[in-house]
PDB file of N, CA and C in Angstrom:
ATOM      1  N   UNK A   1      -5.475  18.923  26.623  1.00  0.00           N
ATOM      2  CA  UNK A   1      -5.161  17.532  26.084  1.00  0.00           C
ATOM      3  C   UNK A   1      -4.141  18.152  25.579  1.00  0.00           C
ATOM      4  N   UNK A   2      -3.168  17.163  25.622  1.00  0.00           N
ATOM      5  CA  UNK A   2      -1.301  17.659  25.380  1.00  0.00           C
ATOM      6  C   UNK A   2      -1.604  17.200  24.274  1.00  0.00           C
ATOM      7  N   UNK A   3      -0.621  18.003  22.993  1.00  0.00           N
ATOM      8  CA  UNK A   3      -0.625  18.599  21.950  1.00  0.00           C
ATOM      9  C   UNK A   3      -0.261  16.601  21.421  1.00  0.00           C
ATOM     10  N   UNK A   4       1.217  15.989  21.828  1.00  0.00           N
ATOM     11  CA  UNK A   4       1.264  14.981  21.464  1.00  0.00           C
ATOM     12  C   UNK A   4      -0.243  13.450  21.273  1.00  0.00           C
ATOM     13  N   UNK A   5      -0.752  13.697  22.435  1.00  0.00           N
ATOM     14  CA  UNK A   5      -1.762  12.631  23.015  1.00  0.00           C
ATOM     15  C   UNK A   5      -3.184  13.656  21.959  1.00  0.00           C
ATOM     16  N   UNK A   6      -3.343  14.226  20.999  1.00  0.00           N
ATOM     17  CA  UNK A   6      -3.900  15.112  20.308  1.00  0.00           C
ATOM     18  C   UNK A   6      -3.771  14.516  18.774  1.00  0.00           C
ATOM     19  N   UNK A   7      -2.365  14.451  18.934  1.00  0.00           N
ATOM     20  CA  UNK A   7      -1.620  14.023  17.792  1.00  0.00           C
ATOM     21  C   UNK A   7      -1.958  12.399  17.587  1.00  0.00           C
ATOM     22  N   UNK A   8      -2.020  11.358  18.631  1.00  0.00           N
ATOM     23  CA  UNK A   8      -2.316  10.339  18.621  1.00  0.00           C
ATOM     24  C   UNK A   8      -3.630   9.980  18.530  1.00  0.00           C
ATOM     25  N   UNK A   9      -4.561  10.904  19.079  1.00  0.00           N
ATOM     26  CA  UNK A   9      -6.175  10.981  19.155  1.00  0.00           C
ATOM     27  C   UNK A   9      -6.562  10.674  17.848  1.00  0.00           C
ATOM     28  N   UNK A  10      -5.846  11.978  16.992  1.00  0.00           N
ATOM     29  CA  UNK A  10      -5.978  12.212  15.501  1.00  0.00           C
ATOM     30  C   UNK A  10      -5.881  11.234  14.570  1.00  0.00           C
ATOM     31  N   UNK A  11      -4.720  10.234  14.574  1.00  0.00           N
ATOM     32  CA  UNK A  11      -4.519   9.259  14.063  1.00  0.00           C
ATOM     33  C   UNK A  11      -5.070   7.871  14.276  1.00  0.00           C
ATOM     34  N   UNK A  12      -5.456   8.032  15.548  1.00  0.00           N
ATOM     35  CA  UNK A  12      -5.959   6.755  15.857  1.00  0.00           C
ATOM     36  C   UNK A  12      -7.627   6.862  15.045  1.00  0.00           C
ATOM     37  N   UNK A  13      -8.113   8.497  14.903  1.00  0.00           N
ATOM     38  CA  UNK A  13      -9.432   7.798  14.235  1.00  0.00           C
ATOM     39  C   UNK A  13      -9.248   8.010  12.818  1.00  0.00           C
ATOM     40  N   UNK A  14      -8.209   8.163  12.413  1.00  0.00           N
ATOM     41  CA  UNK A  14      -8.106   8.645  10.427  1.00  0.00           C
ATOM     42  C   UNK A  14      -8.222   6.597  10.884  1.00  0.00           C
ATOM     43  N   UNK A  15      -7.108   5.787  11.567  1.00  0.00           N
ATOM     44  CA  UNK A  15      -6.894   4.604  11.434  1.00  0.00           C
ATOM     45  C   UNK A  15      -8.044   3.648  11.602  1.00  0.00           C
ATOM     46  N   UNK A  16      -9.236   4.143  12.249  1.00  0.00           N
ATOM     47  CA  UNK A  16     -10.316   3.828  12.597  1.00  0.00           C
ATOM     48  C   UNK A  16     -10.989   3.737  11.254  1.00  0.00           C
ATOM     49  N   UNK A  17     -11.228   4.819  10.235  1.00  0.00           N
ATOM     50  CA  UNK A  17     -11.757   4.830   9.439  1.00  0.00           C
ATOM     51  C   UNK A  17     -11.241   4.252   8.525  1.00  0.00           C
ATOM     52  N   UNK A  18     -10.209   3.789   8.280  1.00  0.00           N
ATOM     53  CA  UNK A  18      -9.076   3.000   7.526  1.00  0.00           C
ATOM     54  C   UNK A  18      -9.347   1.626   7.808  1.00  0.00           C
ATOM     55  N   UNK A  19      -9.833   0.856   9.422  1.00  0.00           N
ATOM     56  CA  UNK A  19      -9.925  -0.521   9.159  1.00  0.00           C
ATOM     57  C   UNK A  19     -11.054  -0.664   8.892  1.00  0.00           C
ATOM     58  N   UNK A  20     -12.052   0.314   9.179  1.00  0.00           N
ATOM     59  CA  UNK A  20     -13.189  -0.306   8.476  1.00  0.00           C
ATOM     60  C   UNK A  20     -13.673  -0.198   6.925  1.00  0.00           C
ATOM     61  N   UNK A  21     -12.935   0.416   6.155  1.00  0.00           N
ATOM     62  CA  UNK A  21     -12.375   0.408   4.689  1.00  0.00           C
ATOM     63  C   UNK A  21     -11.995  -0.566   4.542  1.00  0.00           C
ATOM     64  N   UNK A  22     -10.804  -1.562   5.530  1.00  0.00           N
ATOM     65  CA  UNK A  22     -10.474  -2.276   4.596  1.00  0.00           C
ATOM     66  C   UNK A  22     -11.525  -3.778   4.710  1.00  0.00           C
ATOM     67  N   UNK A  23     -12.211  -3.937   5.626  1.00  0.00           N
ATOM     68  CA  UNK A  23     -13.245  -4.712   5.512  1.00  0.00           C
ATOM     69  C   UNK A  23     -14.292  -4.631   4.427  1.00  0.00           C
ATOM     70  N   UNK A  24     -14.197  -3.488   4.020  1.00  0.00           N
ATOM     71  CA  UNK A  24     -14.999  -3.111   2.961  1.00  0.00           C
ATOM     72  C   UNK A  24     -14.493  -3.428   1.377  1.00  0.00           C
ATOM     73  N   UNK A  25     -13.178  -3.300   1.677  1.00  0.00           N
ATOM     74  CA  UNK A  25     -12.656  -3.131   0.613  1.00  0.00           C
ATOM     75  C   UNK A  25     -11.199  -3.642   0.539  1.00  0.00           C
ATOM     76  N   UNK A  26     -10.866  -4.584   0.042  1.00  0.00           N
ATOM     77  CA  UNK A  26      -9.211  -5.492   0.679  1.00  0.00           C
ATOM     78  C   UNK A  26      -8.626  -4.430  -0.673  1.00  0.00           C
ATOM     79  N   UNK A  27      -8.821  -3.877  -1.235  1.00  0.00           N
ATOM     80  CA  UNK A  27      -7.977  -3.336  -2.358  1.00  0.00           C
ATOM     81  C   UNK A  27      -6.922  -2.084  -1.420  1.00  0.00           C
ATOM     82  N   UNK A  28      -7.863  -1.828   0.001  1.00  0.00           N
ATOM     83  CA  UNK A  28      -6.532  -1.109   0.211  1.00  0.00           C
ATOM     84  C   UNK A  28      -5.469  -1.562   1.018  1.00  0.00           C
ATOM     85  N   UNK A  29      -5.533  -2.814   1.012  1.00  0.00           N
ATOM     86  CA  UNK A  29      -4.355  -3.661   1.629  1.00  0.00           C
ATOM     87  C   UNK A  29      -3.298  -3.491   0.476  1.00  0.00           C
ATOM     88  N   UNK A  30      -3.780  -3.549  -0.704  1.00  0.00           N
ATOM     89  CA  UNK A  30      -3.509  -3.951  -2.026  1.00  0.00           C
ATOM     90  C   UNK A  30      -2.271  -1.910  -2.129  1.00  0.00           C
ATOM     91  N   UNK A  31      -2.967  -1.145  -2.201  1.00  0.00           N
ATOM     92  CA  UNK A  31      -2.715   0.180  -1.978  1.00  0.00           C
ATOM     93  C   UNK A  31      -1.618   0.473  -0.903  1.00  0.00           C
ATOM     94  N   UNK A  32      -1.786   0.002   0.398  1.00  0.00           N
ATOM     95  CA  UNK A  32      -0.824   0.119   1.357  1.00  0.00           C
ATOM     96  C   UNK A  32       0.377  -0.499   1.156  1.00  0.00           C
ATOM     97  N   UNK A  33       0.213  -1.721   0.695  1.00  0.00           N
ATOM     98  CA  UNK A  33       1.214  -2.538  -0.218  1.00  0.00           C
ATOM     99  C   UNK A  33       2.453  -1.861  -1.230  1.00  0.00           C
ATOM    100  N   UNK A  34       1.734  -1.345  -2.139  1.00  0.00           N
ATOM    101  CA  UNK A  34       2.010  -0.251  -3.179  1.00  0.00           C
ATOM    102  C   UNK A  34       2.927   0.621  -2.605  1.00  0.00           C
ATOM    103  N   UNK A  35       2.468   1.318  -1.355  1.00  0.00           N
ATOM    104  CA  UNK A  35       2.594   2.825  -0.991  1.00  0.00           C
ATOM    105  C   UNK A  35       4.126   2.495  -0.203  1.00  0.00           C
ATOM    106  N   UNK A  36       4.274   1.260   0.790  1.00  0.00           N
ATOM    107  CA  UNK A  36       5.106   0.819   1.549  1.00  0.00           C
ATOM    108  C   UNK A  36       6.421   0.066   0.725  1.00  0.00           C
ATOM    109  N   UNK A  37       6.035  -0.427  -0.715  1.00  0.00           N
ATOM    110  CA  UNK A  37       6.934  -0.944  -1.280  1.00  0.00           C
ATOM    111  C   UNK A  37       8.172   0.378  -2.105  1.00  0.00           C
ATOM    112  N   UNK A  38       7.155   1.375  -2.303  1.00  0.00           N
ATOM    113  CA  UNK A  38       7.786   2.127  -2.988  1.00  0.00           C
ATOM    114  C   UNK A  38       8.627   3.029  -2.192  1.00  0.00           C
ATOM    115  N   UNK A  39       8.341   3.497  -0.960  1.00  0.00           N
ATOM    116  CA  UNK A  39       9.356   3.811   0.304  1.00  0.00           C
ATOM    117  C   UNK A  39      10.323   2.711   0.997  1.00  0.00           C
ATOM    118  N   UNK A  40      10.043   1.956   0.717  1.00  0.00           N
ATOM    119  CA  UNK A  40      11.187   0.828   1.119  1.00  0.00           C
ATOM    120  C   UNK A  40      12.345   0.952  -0.110  1.00  0.00           C
ATOM    121  N   UNK A  41      11.730   1.718  -1.165  1.00  0.00           N
ATOM    122  CA  UNK A  41      12.943   1.950  -1.919  1.00  0.00           C
ATOM    123  C   UNK A  41      13.731   3.144  -2.328  1.00  0.00           C
ATOM    124  N   UNK A  42      13.223   4.134  -1.822  1.00  0.00           N
ATOM    125  CA  UNK A  42      13.753   5.139  -1.660  1.00  0.00           C
ATOM    126  C   UNK A  42      13.886   5.806   0.140  1.00  0.00           C
ATOM    127  N   UNK A  43      13.886   5.178   1.065  1.00  0.00           N
ATOM    128  CA  UNK A  43      13.823   5.174   2.426  1.00  0.00           C
ATOM    129  C   UNK A  43      15.386   5.184   2.894  1.00  0.00           C
ATOM    130  N   UNK A  44      15.527   6.336   3.982  1.00  0.00           N
ATOM    131  CA  UNK A  44      17.100   6.269   4.241  1.00  0.00           C
ATOM    132  C   UNK A  44      17.134   4.881   5.649  1.00  0.00           C
ATOM    133  N   UNK A  45      18.395   5.258   6.344  1.00  0.00           N
ATOM    134  CA  UNK A  45      18.760   4.057   7.319  1.00  0.00           C
ATOM    135  C   UNK A  45      17.679   3.880   8.228  1.00  0.00           C
ATOM    136  N   UNK A  46      17.874   5.259   8.588  1.00  0.00           N
ATOM    137  CA  UNK A  46      16.805   5.239   9.539  1.00  0.00           C
ATOM    138  C   UNK A  46      15.490   4.684   9.745  1.00  0.00           C
ATOM    139  N   UNK A  47      14.477   5.289   8.456  1.00  0.00           N
ATOM    140  CA  UNK A  47      13.410   4.672   8.709  1.00  0.00           C
ATOM    141  C   UNK A  47      12.908   3.227   8.216  1.00  0.00           C
ATOM    142  N   UNK A  48      13.874   2.486   7.670  1.00  0.00           N
ATOM    143  CA  UNK A  48      13.882   1.653   7.233  1.00  0.00           C
ATOM    144  C   UNK A  48      13.119   0.377   8.193  1.00  0.00           C
ATOM    145  N   UNK A  49      13.693   0.131   9.568  1.00  0.00           N
ATOM    146  CA  UNK A  49      13.056  -0.444  10.253  1.00  0.00           C
ATOM    147  C   UNK A  49      11.377  -0.405  10.983  1.00  0.00           C
ATOM    148  N   UNK A  50      11.190   0.612  11.015  1.00  0.00           N
ATOM    149  CA  UNK A  50       9.313   0.368  11.075  1.00  0.00           C
ATOM    150  C   UNK A  50       8.826  -0.010   9.661  1.00  0.00           C
ATOM    151  N   UNK A  51       9.550   0.335   8.560  1.00  0.00           N
ATOM    152  CA  UNK A  51       8.811   0.306   7.243  1.00  0.00           C
ATOM    153  C   UNK A  51       8.717  -1.365   7.341  1.00  0.00           C
ATOM    154  N   UNK A  52       9.911  -1.804   7.810  1.00  0.00           N
ATOM    155  CA  UNK A  52       9.721  -3.343   7.427  1.00  0.00           C
ATOM    156  C   UNK A  52       8.914  -3.854   8.775  1.00  0.00           C
ATOM    157  N   UNK A  53       8.555  -3.477   9.821  1.00  0.00           N
ATOM    158  CA  UNK A  53       7.326  -3.835  10.544  1.00  0.00           C
ATOM    159  C   UNK A  53       6.278  -3.934   9.989  1.00  0.00           C
ATOM    160  N   UNK A  54       6.262  -2.939   8.845  1.00  0.00           N
ATOM    161  CA  UNK A  54       4.843  -2.924   8.267  1.00  0.00           C
ATOM    162  C   UNK A  54       4.714  -4.127   7.129  1.00  0.00           C
ATOM    163  N   UNK A  55       5.866  -4.262   6.882  1.00  0.00           N
ATOM    164  CA  UNK A  55       5.738  -5.445   5.459  1.00  0.00           C
ATOM    165  C   UNK A  55       5.270  -6.486   5.848  1.00  0.00           C
ATOM    166  N   UNK A  56       5.655  -6.499   7.378  1.00  0.00           N
ATOM    167  CA  UNK A  56       5.883  -7.956   8.133  1.00  0.00           C
ATOM    168  C   UNK A  56       3.910  -7.917   8.285  1.00  0.00           C
ATOM    169  N   UNK A  57       3.401  -6.678   9.036  1.00  0.00           N
ATOM    170  CA  UNK A  57       2.309  -6.435   9.185  1.00  0.00           C
ATOM    171  C   UNK A  57       1.646  -6.685   8.340  1.00  0.00           C
ATOM    172  N   UNK A  58       1.982  -6.084   6.623  1.00  0.00           N
ATOM    173  CA  UNK A  58       1.115  -6.214   6.145  1.00  0.00           C
ATOM    174  C   UNK A  58       1.210  -7.562   4.899  1.00  0.00           C
ATOM    175  N   UNK A  59       1.920  -8.722   5.522  1.00  0.00           N
ATOM    176  CA  UNK A  59       1.673  -9.987   4.940  1.00  0.00           C
ATOM    177  C   UNK A  59       0.772 -10.410   5.839  1.00  0.00           C
ATOM    178  N   UNK A  60       0.141 -10.453   6.951  1.00  0.00           N
ATOM    179  CA  UNK A  60      -0.474 -10.545   8.092  1.00  0.00           C
ATOM    180  C   UNK A  60      -2.047 -11.060   7.240  1.00  0.00           C
ATOM    181  N   UNK A  61      -3.038 -11.556   8.513  1.00  0.00           N
ATOM    182  CA  UNK A  61      -4.257 -10.994   7.858  1.00  0.00           C
ATOM    183  C   UNK A  61      -4.463 -10.117   8.239  1.00  0.00           C
ATOM    184  N   UNK A  62      -5.923 -10.106   7.694  1.00  0.00           N
ATOM    185  CA  UNK A  62      -6.320  -8.338   7.718  1.00  0.00           C
ATOM    186  C   UNK A  62      -7.226  -8.068   9.432  1.00  0.00           C
ATOM    187  N   UNK A  63      -7.371  -9.088   9.951  1.00  0.00           N
ATOM    188  CA  UNK A  63      -7.659  -9.035  11.188  1.00  0.00           C
ATOM    189  C   UNK A  63      -6.344  -8.298  12.034  1.00  0.00           C
ATOM    190  N   UNK A  64      -5.492  -9.258  11.723  1.00  0.00           N
ATOM    191  CA  UNK A  64      -4.190  -8.573  12.643  1.00  0.00           C
ATOM    192  C   UNK A  64      -4.055  -7.281  12.068  1.00  0.00           C
ATOM    193  N   UNK A  65      -4.137  -6.822  11.025  1.00  0.00           N
ATOM    194  CA  UNK A  65      -3.699  -5.413  10.623  1.00  0.00           C
ATOM    195  C   UNK A  65      -4.273  -4.607  10.442  1.00  0.00           C
ATOM    196  N   UNK A  66      -6.074  -4.871  11.082  1.00  0.00           N
ATOM    197  CA  UNK A  66      -6.888  -4.218  12.107  1.00  0.00           C
ATOM    198  C   UNK A  66      -6.479  -3.868  13.619  1.00  0.00           C
ATOM    199  N   UNK A  67      -5.758  -5.294  14.353  1.00  0.00           N
ATOM    200  CA  UNK A  67      -5.272  -5.159  15.346  1.00  0.00           C
ATOM    201  C   UNK A  67      -4.422  -3.751  15.317  1.00  0.00           C
ATOM    202  N   UNK A  68      -3.490  -3.889  14.615  1.00  0.00           N
ATOM    203  CA  UNK A  68      -2.292  -2.578  15.012  1.00  0.00           C
ATOM    204  C   UNK A  68      -3.126  -1.425  14.725  1.00  0.00           C
ATOM    205  N   UNK A  69      -3.905  -1.374  13.503  1.00  0.00           N
ATOM    206  CA  UNK A  69      -4.895  -0.396  12.969  1.00  0.00           C
ATOM    207  C   UNK A  69      -5.408   0.424  14.261  1.00  0.00           C
ATOM    208  N   UNK A  70      -6.219  -0.534  14.926  1.00  0.00           N
ATOM    209  CA  UNK A  70      -6.890   0.021  16.162  1.00  0.00           C
ATOM    210  C   UNK A  70      -6.112   0.435  17.642  1.00  0.00           C
ATOM    211  N   UNK A  71      -5.126  -1.061  17.470  1.00  0.00           N
ATOM    212  CA  UNK A  71      -4.089  -0.745  19.167  1.00  0.00           C
ATOM    213  C   UNK A  71      -4.238   0.507  19.687  1.00  0.00           C
ATOM    214  N   UNK A  72      -3.957   0.621  20.835  1.00  0.00           N
ATOM    215  CA  UNK A  72      -3.416   1.840  21.486  1.00  0.00           C
ATOM    216  C   UNK A  72      -2.394   2.227  22.489  1.00  0.00           C
ATOM    217  N   UNK A  73      -1.480   0.960  22.228  1.00  0.00           N
ATOM    218  CA  UNK A  73      -0.391   1.260  22.939  1.00  0.00           C
ATOM    219  C   UNK A  73       0.499   1.613  22.147  1.00  0.00           C
ATOM    220  N   UNK A  74       2.044   1.588  22.898  1.00  0.00           N
ATOM    221  CA  UNK A  74       3.026   2.380  22.329  1.00  0.00           C
ATOM    222  C   UNK A  74       3.197   1.703  21.236  1.00  0.00           C
ATOM    223  N   UNK A  75       3.447   0.584  20.662  1.00  0.00           N
ATOM    224  CA  UNK A  75       3.859   0.092  19.541  1.00  0.00           C
ATOM    225  C   UNK A  75       3.053   0.556  18.450  1.00  0.00           C
ATOM    226  N   UNK A  76       1.500   0.313  18.667  1.00  0.00           N
ATOM    227  CA  UNK A  76       0.925   0.789  17.517  1.00  0.00           C
ATOM    228  C   UNK A  76       0.684   2.049  17.346  1.00  0.00           C
ATOM    229  N   UNK A  77       1.078   3.117  18.607  1.00  0.00           N
ATOM    230  CA  UNK A  77       1.245   5.015  18.258  1.00  0.00           C
ATOM    231  C   UNK A  77       2.178   4.960  17.228  1.00  0.00           C
ATOM    232  N   UNK A  78       3.442   4.020  17.830  1.00  0.00           N
ATOM    233  CA  UNK A  78       4.875   4.145  17.289  1.00  0.00           C
ATOM    234  C   UNK A  78       4.199   4.189  15.438  1.00  0.00           C
ATOM    235  N   UNK A  79       4.123   3.221  15.335  1.00  0.00           N
ATOM    236  CA  UNK A  79       3.931   2.704  13.906  1.00  0.00           C
ATOM    237  C   UNK A  79       3.063   3.349  13.221  1.00  0.00           C
ATOM    238  N   UNK A  80       1.907   3.812  13.756  1.00  0.00           N
ATOM    239  CA  UNK A  80       1.106   4.883  13.186  1.00  0.00           C
ATOM    240  C   UNK A  80       1.594   6.366  12.821  1.00  0.00           C
ATOM    241  N   UNK A  81       2.935   6.512  12.957  1.00  0.00           N
ATOM    242  CA  UNK A  81       4.020   7.751  12.411  1.00  0.00           C
ATOM    243  C   UNK A  81       4.627   7.242  11.354  1.00  0.00           C
ATOM    244  N   UNK A  82       4.581   6.060  10.613  1.00  0.00           N
ATOM    245  CA  UNK A  82       5.196   5.734   9.684  1.00  0.00           C
ATOM    246  C   UNK A  82       3.888   4.491   8.722  1.00  0.00           C
ATOM    247  N   UNK A  83       2.671   4.975   8.875  1.00  0.00           N
ATOM    248  CA  UNK A  83       1.441   4.131   8.447  1.00  0.00           C
ATOM    249  C   UNK A  83       1.778   4.308   6.741  1.00  0.00           C
ATOM    250  N   UNK A  84       1.761   3.328   6.216  1.00  0.00           N
ATOM    251  CA  UNK A  84       1.622   3.777   4.720  1.00  0.00           C
ATOM    252  C   UNK A  84       0.177   3.344   4.235  1.00  0.00           C
ATOM    253  N   UNK A  85      -0.784   4.159   5.210  1.00  0.00           N
ATOM    254  CA  UNK A  85      -2.389   3.540   4.245  1.00  0.00           C
ATOM    255  C   UNK A  85      -2.951   5.524   4.045  1.00  0.00           C
ATOM    256  N   UNK A  86      -1.292   5.796   3.693  1.00  0.00           N
ATOM    257  CA  UNK A  86      -1.844   7.716   3.348  1.00  0.00           C
ATOM    258  C   UNK A  86      -2.743   7.357   2.290  1.00  0.00           C
ATOM    259  N   UNK A  87      -3.307   8.510   1.873  1.00  0.00           N
ATOM    260  CA  UNK A  87      -4.193   8.170   0.334  1.00  0.00           C
ATOM    261  C   UNK A  87      -5.415   7.527   0.840  1.00  0.00           C
ATOM    262  N   UNK A  88      -5.817   6.822   1.378  1.00  0.00           N
ATOM    263  CA  UNK A  88      -6.698   5.986   1.468  1.00  0.00           C
ATOM    264  C   UNK A  88      -8.056   7.098   1.927  1.00  0.00           C
ATOM    265  N   UNK A  89      -7.976   7.446   3.303  1.00  0.00           N
ATOM    266  CA  UNK A  89      -9.170   8.416   3.255  1.00  0.00           C
ATOM    267  C   UNK A  89      -9.124   9.598   2.235  1.00  0.00           C
ATOM    268  N   UNK A  90     -10.259  10.107   1.950  1.00  0.00           N
ATOM    269  CA  UNK A  90     -10.609  11.311   1.164  1.00  0.00           C
ATOM    270  C   UNK A  90     -10.330  12.632   1.567  1.00  0.00           C
ATOM    271  N   UNK A  91     -10.453  13.612   0.811  1.00  0.00           N
ATOM    272  CA  UNK A  91      -9.461  14.843   1.656  1.00  0.00           C
ATOM    273  C   UNK A  91     -11.170  15.274   2.527  1.00  0.00           C
ATOM    274  N   UNK A  92     -12.563  15.081   2.329  1.00  0.00           N
ATOM    275  CA  UNK A  92     -13.563  15.335   2.909  1.00  0.00           C
ATOM    276  C   UNK A  92     -13.294  14.878   4.378  1.00  0.00           C
ATOM    277  N   UNK A  93     -12.944  13.296   4.418  1.00  0.00           N
ATOM    278  CA  UNK A  93     -12.984  12.354   5.681  1.00  0.00           C
ATOM    279  C   UNK A  93     -11.569  13.356   6.129  1.00  0.00           C
ATOM    280  N   UNK A  94     -10.407  13.052   5.698  1.00  0.00           N
ATOM    281  CA  UNK A  94      -9.143  13.532   6.544  1.00  0.00           C
ATOM    282  C   UNK A  94      -9.361  14.921   7.045  1.00  0.00           C
ATOM    283  N   UNK A  95     -10.289  16.302   6.472  1.00  0.00           N
ATOM    284  CA  UNK A  95     -10.475  17.337   7.179  1.00  0.00           C
ATOM    285  C   UNK A  95     -11.840  17.289   7.957  1.00  0.00           C
ATOM    286  N   UNK A  96     -12.250  16.275   8.135  1.00  0.00           N
ATOM    287  CA  UNK A  96     -13.468  16.486   9.285  1.00  0.00           C
ATOM    288  C   UNK A  96     -12.540  15.579  10.549  1.00  0.00           C
ATOM    289  N   UNK A  97     -11.771  14.516  10.446  1.00  0.00           N
ATOM    290  CA  UNK A  97     -10.913  14.827  11.513  1.00  0.00           C
ATOM    291  C   UNK A  97     -10.579  15.865  11.886  1.00  0.00           C
ATOM    292  N   UNK A  98      -9.043  16.246  11.028  1.00  0.00           N
ATOM    293  CA  UNK A  98      -8.567  17.637  11.172  1.00  0.00           C
ATOM    294  C   UNK A  98      -9.365  18.703  12.134  1.00  0.00           C
ATOM    295  N   UNK A  99     -10.581  18.767  11.516  1.00  0.00           N
ATOM    296  CA  UNK A  99     -11.176  19.992  12.549  1.00  0.00           C
ATOM    297  C   UNK A  99     -11.533  19.164  13.413  1.00  0.00           C
ATOM    298  N   UNK A 100     -11.976  17.946  13.756  1.00  0.00           N
ATOM    299  CA  UNK A 100     -12.745  17.247  15.061  1.00  0.00           C
ATOM    300  C   UNK A 100     -11.447  17.648  16.128  1.00  0.00           C
ATOM    301  N   UNK A 101      -9.896  17.688  15.774  1.00  0.00           N
ATOM    302  CA  UNK A 101      -8.664  17.269  16.742  1.00  0.00           C
ATOM    303  C   UNK A 101      -8.166  18.472  16.739  1.00  0.00           C
ATOM    304  N   UNK A 102      -8.631  19.573  16.480  1.00  0.00           N
ATOM    305  CA  UNK A 102      -7.322  20.637  16.385  1.00  0.00           C
ATOM    306  C   UNK A 102      -7.596  21.500  17.917  1.00  0.00           C
TER     307      UNK A 102
END
């Protein structure tokens, strides 16, 4: 598997867990919105467009957010690179995925 493809698969697997977590605990979305707000306050101009896309996505329904998290098209892959869902998974969950896709 190519390196870039491996990174995409790893990020998708993490987002699958996050998408499931959204269904169990709506505070996950609040955490992502808070992270995004902090990033928008400190980001440089080049990162801002993707973050503004996330702001629009996070204003939508949980089902729409899950669609983006679980999407495998190029746009969803691109958005994963600036996902505001960092800190949602436990260290153990992250480590398991990292080991699985090394």
